[in-house]
Amino acid sequence: MKGVLETMQPIRRSGLPEDIAHAALWLASDDSTFVNGHALVVDGGLIGGRQWSEVQQRRGMLRSALGLSPA
């Protein structure tokens, strides 16, 4: 599963708990004092980094690898 997910996002590695922790720490720090009403997405570029057709193709590959029916 880790290998499949690594190929689905522009940053070619699996996300780590530390990635979320670093984002939370930044939000809690003085460096983010002017940030307001923003959804900080920590996903390796998954939702914004690929064309829709490629996302659909990779989603199909993932579902197939998991033995799920096509969506």
PDB file of N, CA and C in Angstrom:
ATOM      1  N   MET A   1       0.823  -1.186   0.000  1.00  0.00           N
ATOM      2  CA  MET A   1       0.000   0.000   0.000  1.00  0.00           C
ATOM      3  C   MET A   1       0.871   1.255   0.000  1.00  0.00           C
ATOM      4  N   LYS A   2       1.944   1.241   0.778  1.00  0.00           N
ATOM      5  CA  LYS A   2       2.822   2.399   0.853  1.00  0.00           C
ATOM      6  C   LYS A   2       3.388   2.735  -0.518  1.00  0.00           C
ATOM      7  N   GLY A   3       3.812   1.728  -1.256  1.00  0.00           N
ATOM      8  CA  GLY A   3       4.372   1.947  -2.584  1.00  0.00           C
ATOM      9  C   GLY A   3       3.363   2.523  -3.562  1.00  0.00           C
ATOM     10  N   VAL A   4       2.127   2.063  -3.482  1.00  0.00           N
ATOM     11  CA  VAL A   4       1.078   2.591  -4.366  1.00  0.00           C
ATOM     12  C   VAL A   4       0.822   4.051  -4.054  1.00  0.00           C
ATOM     13  N   LEU A   5       0.706   4.391  -2.790  1.00  0.00           N
ATOM     14  CA  LEU A   5       0.430   5.773  -2.406  1.00  0.00           C
ATOM     15  C   LEU A   5       1.578   6.708  -2.771  1.00  0.00           C
ATOM     16  N   GLU A   6       2.801   6.218  -2.704  1.00  0.00           N
ATOM     17  CA  GLU A   6       3.956   7.048  -3.059  1.00  0.00           C
ATOM     18  C   GLU A   6       3.892   7.500  -4.512  1.00  0.00           C
ATOM     19  N   THR A   7       3.352   6.668  -5.393  1.00  0.00           N
ATOM     20  CA  THR A   7       3.296   7.018  -6.813  1.00  0.00           C
ATOM     21  C   THR A   7       2.107   7.898  -7.151  1.00  0.00           C
ATOM     22  N   MET A   8       1.197   8.114  -6.230  1.00  0.00           N
ATOM     23  CA  MET A   8      -0.006   8.892  -6.505  1.00  0.00           C
ATOM     24  C   MET A   8       0.169  10.388  -6.273  1.00  0.00           C
ATOM     25  N   GLN A   9       1.247  10.813  -5.702  1.00  0.00           N
ATOM     26  CA  GLN A   9       1.396  12.225  -5.362  1.00  0.00           C
ATOM     27  C   GLN A   9       2.692  12.779  -5.934  1.00  0.00           C
ATOM     28  N   PRO A  10       2.735  14.087  -6.168  1.00  0.00           N
ATOM     29  CA  PRO A  10       3.943  14.695  -6.737  1.00  0.00           C
ATOM     30  C   PRO A  10       5.183  14.536  -5.864  1.00  0.00           C
ATOM     31  N   ILE A  11       5.050  14.619  -4.555  1.00  0.00           N
ATOM     32  CA  ILE A  11       6.194  14.380  -3.678  1.00  0.00           C
ATOM     33  C   ILE A  11       6.291  12.874  -3.496  1.00  0.00           C
ATOM     34  N   ARG A  12       7.326  12.291  -4.028  1.00  0.00           N
ATOM     35  CA  ARG A  12       7.446  10.836  -4.147  1.00  0.00           C
ATOM     36  C   ARG A  12       7.906  10.148  -2.870  1.00  0.00           C
ATOM     37  N   ARG A  13       7.144  10.323  -1.825  1.00  0.00           N
ATOM     38  CA  ARG A  13       7.381   9.562  -0.593  1.00  0.00           C
ATOM     39  C   ARG A  13       6.079   9.539   0.184  1.00  0.00           C
ATOM     40  N   SER A  14       5.971   8.594   1.054  1.00  0.00           N
ATOM     41  CA  SER A  14       4.787   8.527   1.900  1.00  0.00           C
ATOM     42  C   SER A  14       4.824   9.648   2.922  1.00  0.00           C
ATOM     43  N   GLY A  15       3.661  10.132   3.267  1.00  0.00           N
ATOM     44  CA  GLY A  15       3.575  11.132   4.319  1.00  0.00           C
ATOM     45  C   GLY A  15       3.934  10.526   5.662  1.00  0.00           C
ATOM     46  N   LEU A  16       4.493  11.347   6.513  1.00  0.00           N
ATOM     47  CA  LEU A  16       4.905  10.907   7.843  1.00  0.00           C
ATOM     48  C   LEU A  16       4.128  11.680   8.903  1.00  0.00           C
ATOM     49  N   PRO A  17       3.972  11.104  10.081  1.00  0.00           N
ATOM     50  CA  PRO A  17       3.325  11.856  11.163  1.00  0.00           C
ATOM     51  C   PRO A  17       4.017  13.195  11.424  1.00  0.00           C
ATOM     52  N   GLU A  18       5.328  13.224  11.201  1.00  0.00           N
ATOM     53  CA  GLU A  18       6.075  14.459  11.417  1.00  0.00           C
ATOM     54  C   GLU A  18       5.649  15.565  10.460  1.00  0.00           C
ATOM     55  N   ASP A  19       5.177  15.200   9.263  1.00  0.00           N
ATOM     56  CA  ASP A  19       4.713  16.199   8.307  1.00  0.00           C
ATOM     57  C   ASP A  19       3.519  16.967   8.878  1.00  0.00           C
ATOM     58  N   ILE A  20       2.600  16.257   9.491  1.00  0.00           N
ATOM     59  CA  ILE A  20       1.442  16.893  10.124  1.00  0.00           C
ATOM     60  C   ILE A  20       1.896  17.684  11.345  1.00  0.00           C
ATOM     61  N   ALA A  21       2.795  17.104  12.123  1.00  0.00           N
ATOM     62  CA  ALA A  21       3.275  17.785  13.331  1.00  0.00           C
ATOM     63  C   ALA A  21       3.967  19.099  12.986  1.00  0.00           C
ATOM     64  N   HIS A  22       4.774  19.109  11.928  1.00  0.00           N
ATOM     65  CA  HIS A  22       5.461  20.343  11.536  1.00  0.00           C
ATOM     66  C   HIS A  22       4.453  21.418  11.122  1.00  0.00           C
ATOM     67  N   ALA A  23       3.413  21.016  10.403  1.00  0.00           N
ATOM     68  CA  ALA A  23       2.380  21.982  10.000  1.00  0.00           C
ATOM     69  C   ALA A  23       1.665  22.537  11.232  1.00  0.00           C
ATOM     70  N   ALA A  24       1.334  21.665  12.177  1.00  0.00           N
ATOM     71  CA  ALA A  24       0.657  22.115  13.400  1.00  0.00           C
ATOM     72  C   ALA A  24       1.550  23.040  14.218  1.00  0.00           C
ATOM     73  N   LEU A  25       2.824  22.702  14.302  1.00  0.00           N
ATOM     74  CA  LEU A  25       3.749  23.562  15.034  1.00  0.00           C
ATOM     75  C   LEU A  25       3.894  24.930  14.377  1.00  0.00           C
ATOM     76  N   TRP A  26       3.921  24.944  13.046  1.00  0.00           N
ATOM     77  CA  TRP A  26       4.009  26.220  12.346  1.00  0.00           C
ATOM     78  C   TRP A  26       2.757  27.057  12.634  1.00  0.00           C
ATOM     79  N   LEU A  27       1.583  26.430  12.583  1.00  0.00           N
ATOM     80  CA  LEU A  27       0.350  27.165  12.865  1.00  0.00           C
ATOM     81  C   LEU A  27       0.328  27.707  14.291  1.00  0.00           C
ATOM     82  N   ALA A  28       0.956  26.990  15.197  1.00  0.00           N
ATOM     83  CA  ALA A  28       0.990  27.422  16.603  1.00  0.00           C
ATOM     84  C   ALA A  28       2.109  28.430  16.881  1.00  0.00           C
ATOM     85  N   SER A  29       2.961  28.660  15.892  1.00  0.00           N
ATOM     86  CA  SER A  29       4.117  29.540  16.109  1.00  0.00           C
ATOM     87  C   SER A  29       3.796  30.989  15.752  1.00  0.00           C
ATOM     88  N   ASP A  30       4.703  31.876  16.115  1.00  0.00           N
ATOM     89  CA  ASP A  30       4.574  33.290  15.768  1.00  0.00           C
ATOM     90  C   ASP A  30       4.724  33.523  14.264  1.00  0.00           C
ATOM     91  N   ASP A  31       5.297  32.568  13.546  1.00  0.00           N
ATOM     92  CA  ASP A  31       5.460  32.715  12.094  1.00  0.00           C
ATOM     93  C   ASP A  31       4.126  32.714  11.352  1.00  0.00           C
ATOM     94  N   SER A  32       3.076  32.230  11.977  1.00  0.00           N
ATOM     95  CA  SER A  32       1.775  32.156  11.307  1.00  0.00           C
ATOM     96  C   SER A  32       0.772  33.160  11.873  1.00  0.00           C
ATOM     97  N   THR A  33       1.235  34.200  12.542  1.00  0.00           N
ATOM     98  CA  THR A  33       0.316  35.129  13.216  1.00  0.00           C
ATOM     99  C   THR A  33      -0.605  35.882  12.267  1.00  0.00           C
ATOM    100  N   PHE A  34      -0.259  35.977  10.984  1.00  0.00           N
ATOM    101  CA  PHE A  34      -1.103  36.710  10.047  1.00  0.00           C
ATOM    102  C   PHE A  34      -1.949  35.762   9.198  1.00  0.00           C
ATOM    103  N   VAL A  35      -1.873  34.458   9.452  1.00  0.00           N
ATOM    104  CA  VAL A  35      -2.670  33.464   8.729  1.00  0.00           C
ATOM    105  C   VAL A  35      -4.061  33.431   9.343  1.00  0.00           C
ATOM    106  N   ASN A  36      -5.063  33.461   8.456  1.00  0.00           N
ATOM    107  CA  ASN A  36      -6.437  33.534   8.926  1.00  0.00           C
ATOM    108  C   ASN A  36      -7.352  32.797   7.946  1.00  0.00           C
ATOM    109  N   GLY A  37      -8.107  31.859   8.444  1.00  0.00           N
ATOM    110  CA  GLY A  37      -9.117  31.196   7.628  1.00  0.00           C
ATOM    111  C   GLY A  37      -8.577  30.418   6.449  1.00  0.00           C
ATOM    112  N   HIS A  38      -7.543  29.683   6.647  1.00  0.00           N
ATOM    113  CA  HIS A  38      -6.921  28.923   5.569  1.00  0.00           C
ATOM    114  C   HIS A  38      -6.976  27.435   5.886  1.00  0.00           C
ATOM    115  N   ALA A  39      -7.296  26.615   4.871  1.00  0.00           N
ATOM    116  CA  ALA A  39      -7.233  25.160   5.021  1.00  0.00           C
ATOM    117  C   ALA A  39      -5.835  24.714   4.607  1.00  0.00           C
ATOM    118  N   LEU A  40      -5.025  24.353   5.559  1.00  0.00           N
ATOM    119  CA  LEU A  40      -3.660  23.917   5.280  1.00  0.00           C
ATOM    120  C   LEU A  40      -3.690  22.422   4.968  1.00  0.00           C
ATOM    121  N   VAL A  41      -3.493  22.097   3.715  1.00  0.00           N
ATOM    122  CA  VAL A  41      -3.552  20.705   3.266  1.00  0.00           C
ATOM    123  C   VAL A  41      -2.137  20.135   3.271  1.00  0.00           C
ATOM    124  N   VAL A  42      -1.930  19.084   4.033  1.00  0.00           N
ATOM    125  CA  VAL A  42      -0.629  18.429   4.129  1.00  0.00           C
ATOM    126  C   VAL A  42      -0.788  17.045   3.492  1.00  0.00           C
ATOM    127  N   ASP A  43      -0.644  17.018   2.152  1.00  0.00           N
ATOM    128  CA  ASP A  43      -0.898  15.770   1.434  1.00  0.00           C
ATOM    129  C   ASP A  43       0.121  15.469   0.336  1.00  0.00           C
ATOM    130  N   GLY A  44       1.263  16.122   0.377  1.00  0.00           N
ATOM    131  CA  GLY A  44       2.292  15.859  -0.626  1.00  0.00           C
ATOM    132  C   GLY A  44       1.922  16.346  -2.013  1.00  0.00           C
ATOM    133  N   GLY A  45       0.940  17.224  -2.105  1.00  0.00           N
ATOM    134  CA  GLY A  45       0.510  17.753  -3.396  1.00  0.00           C
ATOM    135  C   GLY A  45      -0.529  16.893  -4.085  1.00  0.00           C
ATOM    136  N   LEU A  46      -1.090  15.928  -3.387  1.00  0.00           N
ATOM    137  CA  LEU A  46      -2.015  14.976  -3.998  1.00  0.00           C
ATOM    138  C   LEU A  46      -3.222  15.655  -4.635  1.00  0.00           C
ATOM    139  N   ILE A  47      -3.885  16.568  -3.932  1.00  0.00           N
ATOM    140  CA  ILE A  47      -5.113  17.138  -4.502  1.00  0.00           C
ATOM    141  C   ILE A  47      -4.857  18.246  -5.516  1.00  0.00           C
ATOM    142  N   GLY A  48      -3.691  18.831  -5.509  1.00  0.00           N
ATOM    143  CA  GLY A  48      -3.452  19.933  -6.420  1.00  0.00           C
ATOM    144  C   GLY A  48      -2.381  19.687  -7.459  1.00  0.00           C
ATOM    145  N   GLY A  49      -1.733  18.546  -7.431  1.00  0.00           N
ATOM    146  CA  GLY A  49      -0.561  18.378  -8.260  1.00  0.00           C
ATOM    147  C   GLY A  49      -0.695  17.518  -9.489  1.00  0.00           C
ATOM    148  N   ARG A  50      -1.831  16.942  -9.731  1.00  0.00           N
ATOM    149  CA  ARG A  50      -1.976  16.054 -10.880  1.00  0.00           C
ATOM    150  C   ARG A  50      -3.208  16.456 -11.693  1.00  0.00           C
ATOM    151  N   GLN A  51      -3.171  16.104 -12.968  1.00  0.00           N
ATOM    152  CA  GLN A  51      -4.339  16.329 -13.798  1.00  0.00           C
ATOM    153  C   GLN A  51      -5.428  15.338 -13.403  1.00  0.00           C
ATOM    154  N   TRP A  52      -6.674  15.747 -13.560  1.00  0.00           N
ATOM    155  CA  TRP A  52      -7.806  14.921 -13.123  1.00  0.00           C
ATOM    156  C   TRP A  52      -7.785  13.537 -13.769  1.00  0.00           C
ATOM    157  N   SER A  53      -7.472  13.446 -15.062  1.00  0.00           N
ATOM    158  CA  SER A  53      -7.474  12.148 -15.730  1.00  0.00           C
ATOM    159  C   SER A  53      -6.438  11.210 -15.118  1.00  0.00           C
ATOM    160  N   GLU A  54      -5.286  11.749 -14.755  1.00  0.00           N
ATOM    161  CA  GLU A  54      -4.258  10.915 -14.136  1.00  0.00           C
ATOM    162  C   GLU A  54      -4.686  10.477 -12.743  1.00  0.00           C
ATOM    163  N   VAL A  55      -5.337  11.365 -12.010  1.00  0.00           N
ATOM    164  CA  VAL A  55      -5.841  11.011 -10.685  1.00  0.00           C
ATOM    165  C   VAL A  55      -6.857   9.886 -10.804  1.00  0.00           C
ATOM    166  N   GLN A  56      -7.758   9.990 -11.762  1.00  0.00           N
ATOM    167  CA  GLN A  56      -8.763   8.947 -11.961  1.00  0.00           C
ATOM    168  C   GLN A  56      -8.107   7.611 -12.309  1.00  0.00           C
ATOM    169  N   GLN A  57      -7.111   7.656 -13.186  1.00  0.00           N
ATOM    170  CA  GLN A  57      -6.411   6.431 -13.577  1.00  0.00           C
ATOM    171  C   GLN A  57      -5.730   5.796 -12.370  1.00  0.00           C
ATOM    172  N   ARG A  58      -5.042   6.596 -11.574  1.00  0.00           N
ATOM    173  CA  ARG A  58      -4.334   6.059 -10.409  1.00  0.00           C
ATOM    174  C   ARG A  58      -5.314   5.580  -9.338  1.00  0.00           C
ATOM    175  N   ARG A  59      -6.437   6.247  -9.210  1.00  0.00           N
ATOM    176  CA  ARG A  59      -7.454   5.785  -8.260  1.00  0.00           C
ATOM    177  C   ARG A  59      -7.957   4.400  -8.681  1.00  0.00           C
ATOM    178  N   GLY A  60      -8.150   4.215  -9.984  1.00  0.00           N
ATOM    179  CA  GLY A  60      -8.561   2.909 -10.488  1.00  0.00           C
ATOM    180  C   GLY A  60      -7.520   1.842 -10.213  1.00  0.00           C
ATOM    181  N   MET A  61      -6.240   2.196 -10.381  1.00  0.00           N
ATOM    182  CA  MET A  61      -5.163   1.251 -10.087  1.00  0.00           C
ATOM    183  C   MET A  61      -5.158   0.875  -8.609  1.00  0.00           C
ATOM    184  N   LEU A  62      -5.367   1.865  -7.748  1.00  0.00           N
ATOM    185  CA  LEU A  62      -5.395   1.612  -6.316  1.00  0.00           C
ATOM    186  C   LEU A  62      -6.566   0.702  -5.950  1.00  0.00           C
ATOM    187  N   ARG A  63      -7.740   0.997  -6.498  1.00  0.00           N
ATOM    188  CA  ARG A  63      -8.905   0.159  -6.209  1.00  0.00           C
ATOM    189  C   ARG A  63      -8.676  -1.270  -6.687  1.00  0.00           C
ATOM    190  N   SER A  64      -8.061  -1.409  -7.858  1.00  0.00           N
ATOM    191  CA  SER A  64      -7.757  -2.736  -8.382  1.00  0.00           C
ATOM    192  C   SER A  64      -6.772  -3.470  -7.488  1.00  0.00           C
ATOM    193  N   ALA A  65      -5.728  -2.755  -7.038  1.00  0.00           N
ATOM    194  CA  ALA A  65      -4.725  -3.368  -6.166  1.00  0.00           C
ATOM    195  C   ALA A  65      -5.329  -3.835  -4.846  1.00  0.00           C
ATOM    196  N   LEU A  66      -6.374  -3.138  -4.413  1.00  0.00           N
ATOM    197  CA  LEU A  66      -7.049  -3.498  -3.155  1.00  0.00           C
ATOM    198  C   LEU A  66      -8.182  -4.509  -3.368  1.00  0.00           C
ATOM    199  N   GLY A  67      -8.418  -4.884  -4.619  1.00  0.00           N
ATOM    200  CA  GLY A  67      -9.468  -5.840  -4.912  1.00  0.00           C
ATOM    201  C   GLY A  67     -10.872  -5.265  -4.818  1.00  0.00           C
ATOM    202  N   LEU A  68     -10.990  -3.951  -5.031  1.00  0.00           N
ATOM    203  CA  LEU A  68     -12.290  -3.281  -4.951  1.00  0.00           C
ATOM    204  C   LEU A  68     -12.862  -3.104  -6.350  1.00  0.00           C
ATOM    205  N   SER A  69     -14.177  -3.001  -6.430  1.00  0.00           N
ATOM    206  CA  SER A  69     -14.803  -2.775  -7.724  1.00  0.00           C
ATOM    207  C   SER A  69     -14.514  -1.367  -8.206  1.00  0.00           C
ATOM    208  N   PRO A  70     -14.489  -1.170  -9.523  1.00  0.00           N
ATOM    209  CA  PRO A  70     -14.248   0.186 -10.063  1.00  0.00           C
ATOM    210  C   PRO A  70     -15.346   1.135  -9.624  1.00  0.00           C
ATOM    211  N   ALA A  71     -14.950   2.392  -9.395  1.00  0.00           N
ATOM    212  CA  ALA A  71     -15.942   3.392  -8.972  1.00  0.00           C
ATOM    213  C   ALA A  71     -16.561   4.054 -10.157  1.00  0.00           C
TER     214      ALA A  71
END
